[in-house]
Amino acid sequence: MIQPGKMSIVSLALVLSCCSFLLLSACVRLRPIPSAEEIDKLMASVPPPPSTPVHAAKAFTPGASLKTKDGVVQFSEKRVGELFLPSGKIVASDVFFSSLAPPPLDRAVTPGRYPVSIAIAHYPSNGGQRIAFAKVAFSTAPIVSWQLASEEGAPEQRRKNAVYGYGVDSGTGCFTDFETANEMHRMPDTKALCDRIIAALDGSLPPDCRNADLLISPGHNLVAFSSGVGDGLYVSYWGLDAKGKVCALVTDFDLFP
């Protein structure tokens, strides 16, 4: 039986095959981008994700820890950038897919600039570190409930097929604005953009928690970060306050199911 929120090896292979098509299209432009119908077919076997990002609230709490089979994992929060949202429409994707101008998420926020932070998990057994969650904060209000984030205008059939989250094939996710993603999509030299992203990430430490706040043009940027243990399918969630207003967006990198 497949555990809730987990993909079978076959499902994961299908998702990553789709991701490979997209990455090559973005950086090398050797293969066509899969159609929405092809993506739907690939994603049909993916089981539904959890309705809430388990441990997300705890991970961003100062001094938080989590007991696991490998010992007590400590969490620390690190601010990694300020996301420019000129349109208020957010794209969450593999950092190298962002230049394909993927659809934004299904909620818009007030245009502005918002802090982005990551929750780093510190493992006691080997001293390793991994990014467990990435968050954009839109207010300081406490999160009282969660809602799965999906693509804007996703057909009902795609929702039934659990088309939530995004595939990562480069070990790196990102947040950007839909307007910025379209600007990158119009760039004539996508390889040069990929090289800039790689250089920015390579300059950050530690290696398993790389991050970068990369300016694309005045008022437009992307904030990138390592995705947990690497490639996979990662789900994002809207954090809602007591009045039902969006106060955060969190991507769960599935370290602690």
Protein backbone atom coordinates (compact mmCIF):
# COMPACT_ATOMS: atom_id res chain seq x y z
CA MET A 1 0.00 0.00 0.00
CA ILE A 2 1.24 3.49 -0.84
CA GLN A 3 1.45 5.71 2.21
CA PRO A 4 -0.51 9.00 2.07
CA GLY A 5 1.57 11.72 0.50
CA LYS A 6 4.15 9.25 -0.83
CA MET A 7 4.70 8.21 -4.43
CA SER A 8 5.49 4.72 -5.60
CA ILE A 9 8.79 4.17 -7.40
CA VAL A 10 6.89 3.89 -10.66
CA SER A 11 5.00 7.15 -10.06
CA LEU A 12 8.18 8.96 -9.15
CA ALA A 13 9.91 7.67 -12.27
CA LEU A 14 7.06 8.98 -14.41
CA VAL A 15 7.14 12.39 -12.77
CA LEU A 16 10.90 12.73 -13.12
CA SER A 17 10.74 11.65 -16.76
CA CYS A 18 8.36 14.54 -17.37
CA CYS A 19 10.68 16.85 -15.45
CA SER A 20 13.64 15.80 -17.57
CA PHE A 21 11.75 16.82 -20.72
CA LEU A 22 11.10 20.24 -19.22
CA LEU A 23 14.65 20.85 -18.03
CA LEU A 24 16.13 20.04 -21.41
CA SER A 25 13.59 22.31 -23.08
CA ALA A 26 14.47 25.18 -20.76
CA CYS A 27 18.27 25.00 -20.84
CA VAL A 28 19.09 23.25 -24.10
CA ARG A 29 15.83 23.45 -26.08
CA LEU A 30 16.36 20.05 -27.67
CA ARG A 31 12.97 18.51 -26.91
CA PRO A 32 9.37 19.75 -27.06
CA ILE A 33 7.57 20.63 -23.85
CA PRO A 34 5.01 17.95 -22.90
CA SER A 35 1.39 18.95 -23.46
CA ALA A 36 -1.06 19.35 -20.59
CA GLU A 37 -2.69 16.08 -21.67
CA GLU A 38 0.63 14.24 -21.51
CA ILE A 39 1.37 15.67 -18.08
CA ASP A 40 -2.11 14.66 -16.86
CA LYS A 41 -1.55 11.12 -18.08
CA LEU A 42 1.80 10.90 -16.30
CA MET A 43 0.42 12.33 -13.08
CA ALA A 44 -2.75 10.22 -12.96
CA SER A 45 -1.09 7.54 -10.82
CA VAL A 46 0.28 9.93 -8.18
CA PRO A 47 -1.61 9.51 -4.87
CA PRO A 48 -3.13 12.54 -3.11
CA PRO A 49 -0.75 14.57 -0.93
CA PRO A 50 -1.33 15.19 2.80
CA SER A 51 -3.87 17.92 3.52
CA THR A 52 -1.40 19.77 5.76
CA PRO A 53 2.41 20.16 5.72
CA VAL A 54 3.29 17.99 8.71
CA HIS A 55 5.73 19.69 11.12
CA ALA A 56 5.90 22.94 9.09
CA ALA A 57 4.68 25.18 11.90
CA LYS A 58 7.07 23.54 14.34
CA ALA A 59 10.03 23.79 11.97
CA PHE A 60 9.79 27.59 11.86
CA THR A 61 9.54 27.90 15.66
CA PRO A 62 12.77 28.97 17.43
CA GLY A 63 14.42 26.07 19.25
CA ALA A 64 12.10 23.47 17.72
CA SER A 65 13.09 19.81 17.49
CA LEU A 66 11.57 16.56 16.29
CA LYS A 67 12.10 13.02 17.54
CA THR A 68 12.84 10.62 14.70
CA LYS A 69 14.10 7.04 14.46
CA ASP A 70 17.59 8.47 13.88
CA GLY A 71 17.50 10.71 16.94
CA VAL A 72 16.34 14.23 17.71
CA VAL A 73 16.45 16.56 14.72
CA GLN A 74 16.93 20.25 15.51
CA PHE A 75 15.42 22.98 13.32
CA SER A 76 16.74 26.43 12.55
CA GLU A 77 15.21 29.17 10.42
CA LYS A 78 17.25 31.20 7.95
CA ARG A 79 16.07 34.15 5.91
CA VAL A 80 17.30 33.71 2.36
CA GLY A 81 15.81 36.62 0.44
CA GLU A 82 13.01 39.01 -0.29
CA LEU A 83 10.61 37.97 -3.03
CA PHE A 84 9.43 40.68 -5.41
CA LEU A 85 5.81 40.10 -6.41
CA PRO A 86 4.84 42.84 -8.89
CA SER A 87 1.75 40.93 -10.02
CA GLY A 88 0.99 39.14 -6.74
CA LYS A 89 0.84 35.84 -8.64
CA ILE A 90 3.37 33.29 -7.41
CA VAL A 91 5.18 30.59 -9.33
CA ALA A 92 6.65 27.70 -7.33
CA SER A 93 8.79 25.39 -9.45
CA ASP A 94 12.15 23.81 -10.16
CA VAL A 95 14.44 26.82 -10.51
CA PHE A 96 15.37 25.83 -14.06
CA PHE A 97 11.73 25.39 -15.09
CA SER A 98 10.79 28.91 -14.00
CA SER A 99 11.90 30.34 -17.35
CA LEU A 100 9.18 28.26 -19.04
CA ALA A 101 6.60 30.55 -17.40
CA PRO A 102 4.63 27.76 -15.68
CA PRO A 103 1.15 28.63 -14.41
CA PRO A 104 1.00 30.59 -11.17
CA LEU A 105 -0.58 29.18 -8.04
CA ASP A 106 -4.32 29.43 -7.48
CA ARG A 107 -4.30 32.39 -5.07
CA ALA A 108 -2.94 35.88 -5.58
CA VAL A 109 -1.61 38.17 -2.86
CA THR A 110 -1.24 41.93 -2.66
CA PRO A 111 1.70 42.96 -4.86
CA GLY A 112 4.78 43.84 -2.84
CA ARG A 113 7.98 42.42 -1.40
CA TYR A 114 7.89 39.55 1.08
CA PRO A 115 10.53 37.73 3.16
CA VAL A 116 11.50 34.21 2.19
CA SER A 117 12.96 31.82 4.76
CA ILE A 118 13.94 28.17 4.95
CA ALA A 119 13.68 25.70 7.82
CA ILE A 120 16.89 23.70 8.06
CA ALA A 121 16.88 20.25 9.66
CA HIS A 122 20.07 19.40 11.57
CA TYR A 123 20.63 15.64 11.89
CA PRO A 124 22.35 14.32 15.04
CA SER A 125 23.72 11.10 13.55
CA ASN A 126 26.06 12.57 10.94
CA GLY A 127 25.88 16.32 11.47
CA GLY A 128 24.18 16.74 8.11
CA GLN A 129 21.77 19.53 7.20
CA ARG A 130 18.84 19.60 4.79
CA ILE A 131 16.18 22.14 3.90
CA ALA A 132 12.88 20.78 5.17
CA PHE A 133 10.56 23.67 4.21
CA ALA A 134 10.66 26.96 2.31
CA LYS A 135 8.27 29.77 3.22
CA VAL A 136 7.09 33.13 1.93
CA ALA A 137 5.51 35.18 4.74
CA PHE A 138 2.78 37.66 3.78
CA SER A 139 1.93 38.74 7.33
CA THR A 140 2.88 38.04 10.93
CA ALA A 141 -0.51 36.53 11.75
CA PRO A 142 -0.35 32.96 13.11
CA ILE A 143 -1.34 30.13 10.75
CA VAL A 144 -4.47 28.36 11.98
CA SER A 145 -5.28 26.24 8.92
CA TRP A 146 -3.79 25.04 5.66
CA GLN A 147 -4.98 24.69 2.08
CA LEU A 148 -3.28 22.80 -0.72
CA ALA A 149 -1.89 25.09 -3.40
CA SER A 150 -2.53 24.06 -6.99
CA GLU A 151 -2.03 25.66 -10.38
CA GLU A 152 -4.30 28.57 -11.25
CA GLY A 153 -7.22 27.33 -13.33
CA ALA A 154 -6.32 23.66 -12.97
CA PRO A 155 -9.18 21.58 -14.42
CA GLU A 156 -11.20 19.48 -11.98
CA GLN A 157 -9.82 16.29 -13.53
CA ARG A 158 -6.28 17.41 -12.74
CA ARG A 159 -7.29 18.12 -9.15
CA LYS A 160 -8.77 14.62 -8.91
CA ASN A 161 -5.48 13.28 -10.23
CA ALA A 162 -3.65 15.02 -7.39
CA VAL A 163 -1.78 17.45 -9.60
CA TYR A 164 -0.42 19.44 -6.70
CA GLY A 165 3.13 20.55 -6.19
CA TYR A 166 5.95 20.63 -8.68
CA GLY A 167 8.57 18.25 -9.98
CA VAL A 168 12.24 18.92 -9.21
CA ASP A 169 14.93 17.49 -11.46
CA SER A 170 17.83 19.77 -10.46
CA GLY A 171 17.72 19.41 -6.68
CA THR A 172 16.59 23.04 -6.41
CA GLY A 173 13.19 24.72 -6.07
CA CYS A 174 12.26 28.39 -6.20
CA PHE A 175 9.64 31.07 -5.74
CA THR A 176 9.17 33.84 -8.29
CA ASP A 177 6.46 36.10 -9.66
CA PHE A 178 4.45 35.09 -12.71
CA GLU A 179 5.46 38.35 -14.38
CA THR A 180 9.12 37.57 -13.72
CA ALA A 181 8.72 34.04 -15.07
CA ASN A 182 7.28 35.45 -18.29
CA GLU A 183 10.15 37.90 -18.52
CA MET A 184 12.64 35.03 -18.23
CA HIS A 185 10.67 33.07 -20.81
CA ARG A 186 11.15 35.90 -23.32
CA MET A 187 14.92 35.98 -22.85
CA PRO A 188 16.75 34.96 -26.03
CA ASP A 189 19.61 33.24 -24.17
CA THR A 190 18.18 30.83 -21.59
CA LYS A 191 21.55 29.14 -21.14
CA ALA A 192 23.05 32.39 -19.88
CA LEU A 193 20.26 32.60 -17.30
CA CYS A 194 20.92 29.01 -16.21
CA ASP A 195 24.61 29.84 -15.82
CA ARG A 196 23.75 32.84 -13.61
CA ILE A 197 21.52 30.68 -11.42
CA ILE A 198 24.19 27.99 -11.05
CA ALA A 199 26.86 30.57 -10.16
CA ALA A 200 24.62 32.16 -7.53
CA LEU A 201 23.81 28.80 -5.94
CA ASP A 202 27.42 27.61 -6.02
CA GLY A 203 28.40 30.60 -3.93
CA SER A 204 26.24 29.57 -0.97
CA LEU A 205 26.96 27.13 1.86
CA PRO A 206 26.49 24.49 3.15
CA PRO A 207 26.26 22.44 -0.07
CA ASP A 208 23.04 20.64 0.92
CA CYS A 209 21.32 23.91 1.88
CA ARG A 210 22.21 26.10 -1.07
CA ASN A 211 20.11 29.20 -1.65
CA ALA A 212 20.18 32.35 -3.75
CA ASP A 213 18.23 35.58 -4.19
CA LEU A 214 18.83 36.38 -7.86
CA LEU A 215 17.83 39.70 -9.42
CA ILE A 216 16.44 39.20 -12.92
CA SER A 217 15.71 42.86 -13.64
CA PRO A 218 14.77 45.88 -11.52
CA GLY A 219 11.80 44.83 -9.37
CA HIS A 220 11.95 41.21 -10.55
CA ASN A 221 13.79 38.31 -8.90
CA LEU A 222 13.66 34.68 -7.93
CA VAL A 223 14.59 33.05 -4.63
CA ALA A 224 16.01 29.54 -5.00
CA PHE A 225 16.86 26.82 -2.46
CA SER A 226 17.94 23.19 -2.27
CA SER A 227 14.96 20.82 -2.23
CA GLY A 228 15.28 18.45 0.72
CA VAL A 229 17.26 15.40 -0.35
CA GLY A 230 17.12 16.38 -4.03
CA ASP A 231 14.75 15.49 -6.86
CA GLY A 232 11.10 14.61 -6.33
CA LEU A 233 7.57 15.97 -6.35
CA TYR A 234 7.02 18.64 -3.70
CA VAL A 235 3.73 20.12 -2.56
CA SER A 236 3.05 23.71 -1.51
CA TYR A 237 0.42 24.91 0.96
CA TRP A 238 -1.31 28.19 1.73
CA GLY A 239 -1.20 29.08 5.40
CA LEU A 240 -4.42 30.83 6.46
CA ASP A 241 -4.99 33.04 9.49
CA ALA A 242 -8.05 33.08 11.77
CA LYS A 243 -9.96 35.21 9.23
CA GLY A 244 -9.16 32.85 6.36
CA LYS A 245 -6.67 35.26 4.77
CA VAL A 246 -3.44 34.01 3.27
CA CYS A 247 -0.52 34.74 5.61
CA ALA A 248 2.11 32.34 4.19
CA LEU A 249 3.04 29.95 1.41
CA VAL A 250 5.06 26.88 2.41
CA THR A 251 6.67 24.18 0.28
CA ASP A 252 7.19 20.86 2.05
CA PHE A 253 10.30 18.96 0.91
CA ASP A 254 9.00 15.72 2.37
CA LEU A 255 11.78 14.97 4.86
CA PHE A 256 9.37 14.08 7.65
CA PRO A 257 6.18 12.31 6.46
